[in-house]
Amino acid sequence: MKAAGLAVALSVIAFVPAPSSREVAVTFDDLPVAGVVRRDVPASRELTATLLRAITAHHVPVVGFVNESKLAGDHGVDPARIGLLKMWLDAGLELGNHTAICGG
């Protein structure tokens, strides 16, 4: 009886089509700039431009998640940091809400 059940299971598996391709999506957390880099806006703009060129050149499916606390400058929300996010949108990429404060 066990052999018959195994034969049925194997025959079902044999007729399940294998996926034709696999896809992944890449996410970037804590935008406008994540990672261990200088946080000044000019360096962040350069890093963002380099990253976006590579992403778009290779058609990588990407979603960036914004951390609200990283938008702050010395006097509230920094328009230059908002500009970094606009670069992502101008590149045709999606942005999502990470949180105001991320613990890791």
N, C-alpha and C. Protein backbone atom coordinates (compact mmCIF):
# COMPACT_ATOMS: atom_id res chain seq x y z
N MET A 1 0.81 -1.19 0.00
CA MET A 1 0.00 0.00 0.00
C MET A 1 0.86 1.26 0.00
N LYS A 2 1.97 1.24 0.79
CA LYS A 2 2.84 2.40 0.83
C LYS A 2 3.48 2.64 -0.54
N ALA A 3 3.81 1.57 -1.23
CA ALA A 3 4.42 1.71 -2.55
C ALA A 3 3.44 2.35 -3.53
N ALA A 4 2.16 1.99 -3.43
CA ALA A 4 1.16 2.58 -4.32
C ALA A 4 1.00 4.07 -4.03
N GLY A 5 1.01 4.46 -2.76
CA GLY A 5 0.92 5.87 -2.39
C GLY A 5 2.11 6.65 -2.89
N LEU A 6 3.29 6.06 -2.80
CA LEU A 6 4.50 6.70 -3.29
C LEU A 6 4.45 6.86 -4.80
N ALA A 7 3.95 5.85 -5.48
CA ALA A 7 3.85 5.90 -6.93
C ALA A 7 2.89 7.01 -7.36
N VAL A 8 1.79 7.17 -6.65
CA VAL A 8 0.83 8.24 -6.97
C VAL A 8 1.48 9.59 -6.72
N ALA A 9 2.15 9.74 -5.59
CA ALA A 9 2.80 11.01 -5.26
C ALA A 9 3.84 11.37 -6.30
N LEU A 10 4.64 10.41 -6.71
CA LEU A 10 5.67 10.67 -7.72
C LEU A 10 5.06 11.01 -9.07
N SER A 11 3.95 10.38 -9.41
CA SER A 11 3.32 10.68 -10.69
C SER A 11 2.74 12.09 -10.70
N VAL A 12 2.23 12.54 -9.55
CA VAL A 12 1.71 13.91 -9.46
C VAL A 12 2.86 14.91 -9.58
N ILE A 13 3.96 14.64 -8.89
CA ILE A 13 5.12 15.53 -8.96
C ILE A 13 5.66 15.60 -10.39
N ALA A 14 5.63 14.49 -11.09
CA ALA A 14 6.16 14.46 -12.45
C ALA A 14 5.38 15.37 -13.38
N PHE A 15 4.10 15.64 -13.08
CA PHE A 15 3.28 16.46 -13.96
C PHE A 15 3.18 17.92 -13.51
N VAL A 16 3.80 18.27 -12.41
CA VAL A 16 3.81 19.66 -11.96
C VAL A 16 4.90 20.38 -12.73
N PRO A 17 4.53 21.40 -13.49
CA PRO A 17 5.54 22.08 -14.28
C PRO A 17 6.54 22.82 -13.39
N ALA A 18 7.79 22.73 -13.79
CA ALA A 18 8.84 23.45 -13.07
C ALA A 18 8.73 24.93 -13.39
N PRO A 19 9.05 25.78 -12.45
CA PRO A 19 9.01 27.21 -12.77
C PRO A 19 9.97 27.53 -13.90
N SER A 20 9.51 28.35 -14.84
CA SER A 20 10.35 28.66 -16.00
C SER A 20 11.49 29.60 -15.62
N SER A 21 11.27 30.43 -14.63
CA SER A 21 12.34 31.31 -14.17
C SER A 21 12.07 31.70 -12.73
N ARG A 22 13.09 32.14 -12.11
CA ARG A 22 12.96 32.61 -10.73
C ARG A 22 13.31 34.09 -10.72
N GLU A 23 12.64 34.81 -9.85
CA GLU A 23 12.90 36.23 -9.72
C GLU A 23 13.14 36.57 -8.26
N VAL A 24 13.92 37.58 -8.06
CA VAL A 24 14.13 38.12 -6.73
C VAL A 24 13.93 39.63 -6.80
N ALA A 25 13.66 40.22 -5.68
CA ALA A 25 13.61 41.67 -5.57
C ALA A 25 14.61 42.08 -4.50
N VAL A 26 15.22 43.20 -4.71
CA VAL A 26 16.21 43.72 -3.77
C VAL A 26 15.57 44.87 -3.01
N THR A 27 15.80 44.91 -1.72
CA THR A 27 15.28 46.01 -0.92
C THR A 27 16.44 46.77 -0.29
N PHE A 28 16.25 48.06 -0.17
CA PHE A 28 17.19 48.93 0.52
C PHE A 28 16.44 49.57 1.67
N ASP A 29 16.91 49.34 2.89
CA ASP A 29 16.27 49.90 4.08
C ASP A 29 16.96 51.18 4.51
N ASP A 30 16.23 51.97 5.25
CA ASP A 30 16.76 53.17 5.90
C ASP A 30 17.20 54.26 4.94
N LEU A 31 16.46 54.41 3.83
CA LEU A 31 16.76 55.51 2.92
C LEU A 31 16.38 56.82 3.61
N PRO A 32 16.99 57.95 3.23
CA PRO A 32 17.53 58.20 1.91
C PRO A 32 18.90 57.59 1.64
N VAL A 33 19.71 57.30 2.64
CA VAL A 33 20.97 56.62 2.40
C VAL A 33 21.18 55.62 3.51
N ALA A 34 21.47 54.39 3.15
CA ALA A 34 21.72 53.34 4.13
C ALA A 34 23.18 52.92 4.03
N GLY A 35 23.65 52.30 5.06
CA GLY A 35 25.00 51.76 5.03
C GLY A 35 25.95 52.56 5.89
N VAL A 36 27.18 52.12 5.87
CA VAL A 36 28.22 52.77 6.66
C VAL A 36 29.01 53.68 5.72
N VAL A 37 28.43 54.84 5.49
CA VAL A 37 29.06 55.82 4.61
C VAL A 37 28.94 57.19 5.26
N ARG A 38 29.70 58.13 4.72
CA ARG A 38 29.54 59.50 5.18
C ARG A 38 28.09 59.92 4.94
N ARG A 39 27.53 60.67 5.84
CA ARG A 39 26.11 61.04 5.76
C ARG A 39 25.88 62.42 5.17
N ASP A 40 26.94 63.11 4.73
CA ASP A 40 26.70 64.43 4.17
C ASP A 40 25.98 64.28 2.83
N VAL A 41 25.22 65.29 2.46
CA VAL A 41 24.36 65.20 1.27
C VAL A 41 25.16 65.04 -0.02
N PRO A 42 26.26 65.77 -0.24
CA PRO A 42 27.00 65.56 -1.50
C PRO A 42 27.49 64.12 -1.67
N ALA A 43 28.03 63.53 -0.61
CA ALA A 43 28.49 62.14 -0.70
C ALA A 43 27.31 61.20 -0.90
N SER A 44 26.20 61.49 -0.23
CA SER A 44 25.00 60.66 -0.38
C SER A 44 24.44 60.76 -1.79
N ARG A 45 24.47 61.95 -2.38
CA ARG A 45 23.98 62.14 -3.75
C ARG A 45 24.83 61.34 -4.74
N GLU A 46 26.14 61.38 -4.54
CA GLU A 46 27.05 60.63 -5.41
C GLU A 46 26.81 59.12 -5.29
N LEU A 47 26.69 58.64 -4.06
CA LEU A 47 26.43 57.21 -3.84
C LEU A 47 25.09 56.80 -4.44
N THR A 48 24.07 57.62 -4.23
CA THR A 48 22.74 57.31 -4.75
C THR A 48 22.76 57.26 -6.28
N ALA A 49 23.41 58.22 -6.91
CA ALA A 49 23.48 58.25 -8.38
C ALA A 49 24.19 57.01 -8.91
N THR A 50 25.28 56.62 -8.29
CA THR A 50 26.02 55.42 -8.72
C THR A 50 25.17 54.17 -8.55
N LEU A 51 24.52 54.07 -7.42
CA LEU A 51 23.67 52.91 -7.15
C LEU A 51 22.51 52.83 -8.13
N LEU A 52 21.84 53.95 -8.37
CA LEU A 52 20.70 53.95 -9.27
C LEU A 52 21.10 53.66 -10.71
N ARG A 53 22.27 54.13 -11.13
CA ARG A 53 22.75 53.79 -12.49
C ARG A 53 22.90 52.28 -12.64
N ALA A 54 23.49 51.64 -11.64
CA ALA A 54 23.69 50.18 -11.71
C ALA A 54 22.35 49.45 -11.68
N ILE A 55 21.46 49.88 -10.81
CA ILE A 55 20.15 49.23 -10.69
C ILE A 55 19.38 49.31 -12.00
N THR A 56 19.33 50.51 -12.58
CA THR A 56 18.54 50.68 -13.81
C THR A 56 19.23 50.03 -15.01
N ALA A 57 20.54 50.06 -15.06
CA ALA A 57 21.26 49.45 -16.18
C ALA A 57 21.02 47.94 -16.24
N HIS A 58 20.87 47.33 -15.07
CA HIS A 58 20.69 45.87 -15.01
C HIS A 58 19.25 45.47 -14.76
N HIS A 59 18.34 46.44 -14.78
CA HIS A 59 16.89 46.17 -14.62
C HIS A 59 16.60 45.36 -13.36
N VAL A 60 17.23 45.74 -12.26
CA VAL A 60 17.03 45.04 -10.99
C VAL A 60 15.73 45.53 -10.36
N PRO A 61 14.82 44.60 -10.00
CA PRO A 61 13.60 45.02 -9.31
C PRO A 61 13.93 45.41 -7.87
N VAL A 62 13.67 46.67 -7.55
CA VAL A 62 14.10 47.22 -6.27
C VAL A 62 12.96 47.99 -5.62
N VAL A 63 12.91 47.91 -4.30
CA VAL A 63 12.04 48.78 -3.50
C VAL A 63 12.93 49.39 -2.41
N GLY A 64 12.86 50.69 -2.27
CA GLY A 64 13.58 51.38 -1.21
C GLY A 64 12.63 51.72 -0.09
N PHE A 65 13.05 51.48 1.14
CA PHE A 65 12.21 51.77 2.30
C PHE A 65 12.79 52.96 3.06
N VAL A 66 11.97 53.96 3.23
CA VAL A 66 12.40 55.24 3.81
C VAL A 66 12.27 55.20 5.33
N ASN A 67 13.30 55.64 6.00
CA ASN A 67 13.29 55.80 7.45
C ASN A 67 13.15 57.29 7.73
N GLU A 68 12.02 57.67 8.27
CA GLU A 68 11.70 59.09 8.46
C GLU A 68 12.77 59.84 9.25
N SER A 69 13.34 59.20 10.25
CA SER A 69 14.33 59.88 11.08
C SER A 69 15.59 60.25 10.29
N LYS A 70 15.83 59.58 9.16
CA LYS A 70 17.02 59.89 8.36
C LYS A 70 16.79 61.06 7.41
N LEU A 71 15.59 61.63 7.43
CA LEU A 71 15.30 62.80 6.60
C LEU A 71 15.63 64.10 7.32
N ALA A 72 15.88 64.01 8.62
CA ALA A 72 16.08 65.21 9.42
C ALA A 72 17.45 65.81 9.20
N GLY A 73 17.44 67.13 9.11
CA GLY A 73 18.68 67.90 9.10
C GLY A 73 18.78 68.65 10.41
N ASP A 74 19.52 69.74 10.39
CA ASP A 74 19.69 70.52 11.62
C ASP A 74 18.41 71.25 12.03
N HIS A 75 17.54 71.54 11.06
CA HIS A 75 16.34 72.34 11.34
C HIS A 75 15.09 71.67 10.78
N GLY A 76 14.89 70.41 11.10
CA GLY A 76 13.72 69.69 10.61
C GLY A 76 14.06 68.89 9.36
N VAL A 77 13.03 68.59 8.59
CA VAL A 77 13.20 67.79 7.38
C VAL A 77 14.09 68.55 6.39
N ASP A 78 15.12 67.88 5.90
CA ASP A 78 16.10 68.48 5.00
C ASP A 78 15.64 68.29 3.55
N PRO A 79 15.34 69.37 2.84
CA PRO A 79 14.91 69.24 1.44
C PRO A 79 15.93 68.52 0.55
N ALA A 80 17.21 68.63 0.88
CA ALA A 80 18.23 67.93 0.08
C ALA A 80 18.11 66.42 0.25
N ARG A 81 17.73 65.98 1.43
CA ARG A 81 17.53 64.54 1.65
C ARG A 81 16.25 64.06 0.96
N ILE A 82 15.25 64.91 0.91
CA ILE A 82 14.05 64.60 0.13
C ILE A 82 14.44 64.47 -1.34
N GLY A 83 15.38 65.32 -1.78
CA GLY A 83 15.88 65.24 -3.15
C GLY A 83 16.51 63.90 -3.47
N LEU A 84 17.17 63.29 -2.48
CA LEU A 84 17.75 61.95 -2.69
C LEU A 84 16.64 60.94 -2.98
N LEU A 85 15.53 61.05 -2.28
CA LEU A 85 14.40 60.14 -2.52
C LEU A 85 13.79 60.39 -3.90
N LYS A 86 13.76 61.65 -4.30
CA LYS A 86 13.23 61.98 -5.62
C LYS A 86 14.07 61.32 -6.71
N MET A 87 15.37 61.17 -6.47
CA MET A 87 16.22 60.48 -7.44
C MET A 87 15.74 59.04 -7.66
N TRP A 88 15.33 58.37 -6.59
CA TRP A 88 14.81 57.01 -6.69
C TRP A 88 13.53 56.99 -7.53
N LEU A 89 12.63 57.94 -7.23
CA LEU A 89 11.37 57.99 -7.98
C LEU A 89 11.60 58.35 -9.44
N ASP A 90 12.52 59.29 -9.70
CA ASP A 90 12.84 59.67 -11.08
C ASP A 90 13.44 58.50 -11.86
N ALA A 91 14.07 57.57 -11.15
CA ALA A 91 14.63 56.38 -11.79
C ALA A 91 13.56 55.31 -12.03
N GLY A 92 12.31 55.60 -11.64
CA GLY A 92 11.22 54.66 -11.85
C GLY A 92 11.12 53.58 -10.79
N LEU A 93 11.74 53.80 -9.64
CA LEU A 93 11.73 52.81 -8.57
C LEU A 93 10.66 53.15 -7.53
N GLU A 94 10.31 52.15 -6.76
CA GLU A 94 9.28 52.32 -5.74
C GLU A 94 9.91 52.61 -4.39
N LEU A 95 9.18 53.39 -3.60
CA LEU A 95 9.58 53.66 -2.23
C LEU A 95 8.45 53.21 -1.31
N GLY A 96 8.84 52.73 -0.15
CA GLY A 96 7.87 52.33 0.85
C GLY A 96 8.26 52.93 2.19
N ASN A 97 7.38 52.81 3.16
CA ASN A 97 7.60 53.34 4.50
C ASN A 97 8.26 52.28 5.36
N HIS A 98 9.46 52.56 5.85
CA HIS A 98 10.13 51.62 6.76
C HIS A 98 9.60 51.87 8.16
N THR A 99 9.89 52.99 8.73
CA THR A 99 9.37 53.48 10.01
C THR A 99 10.02 54.82 10.28
N ALA A 100 9.65 55.41 11.38
CA ALA A 100 10.33 56.64 11.79
C ALA A 100 11.65 56.29 12.47
N ILE A 101 11.64 55.19 13.20
CA ILE A 101 12.85 54.76 13.92
C ILE A 101 12.97 53.25 13.76
N CYS A 102 14.10 52.82 13.29
CA CYS A 102 14.34 51.38 13.10
C CYS A 102 15.38 50.91 14.09
N GLY A 103 15.06 49.84 14.80
CA GLY A 103 15.98 49.32 15.78
C GLY A 103 16.99 48.35 15.21
N GLY A 104 17.03 48.15 13.93
CA GLY A 104 18.02 47.25 13.38
C GLY A 104 17.50 46.60 12.23
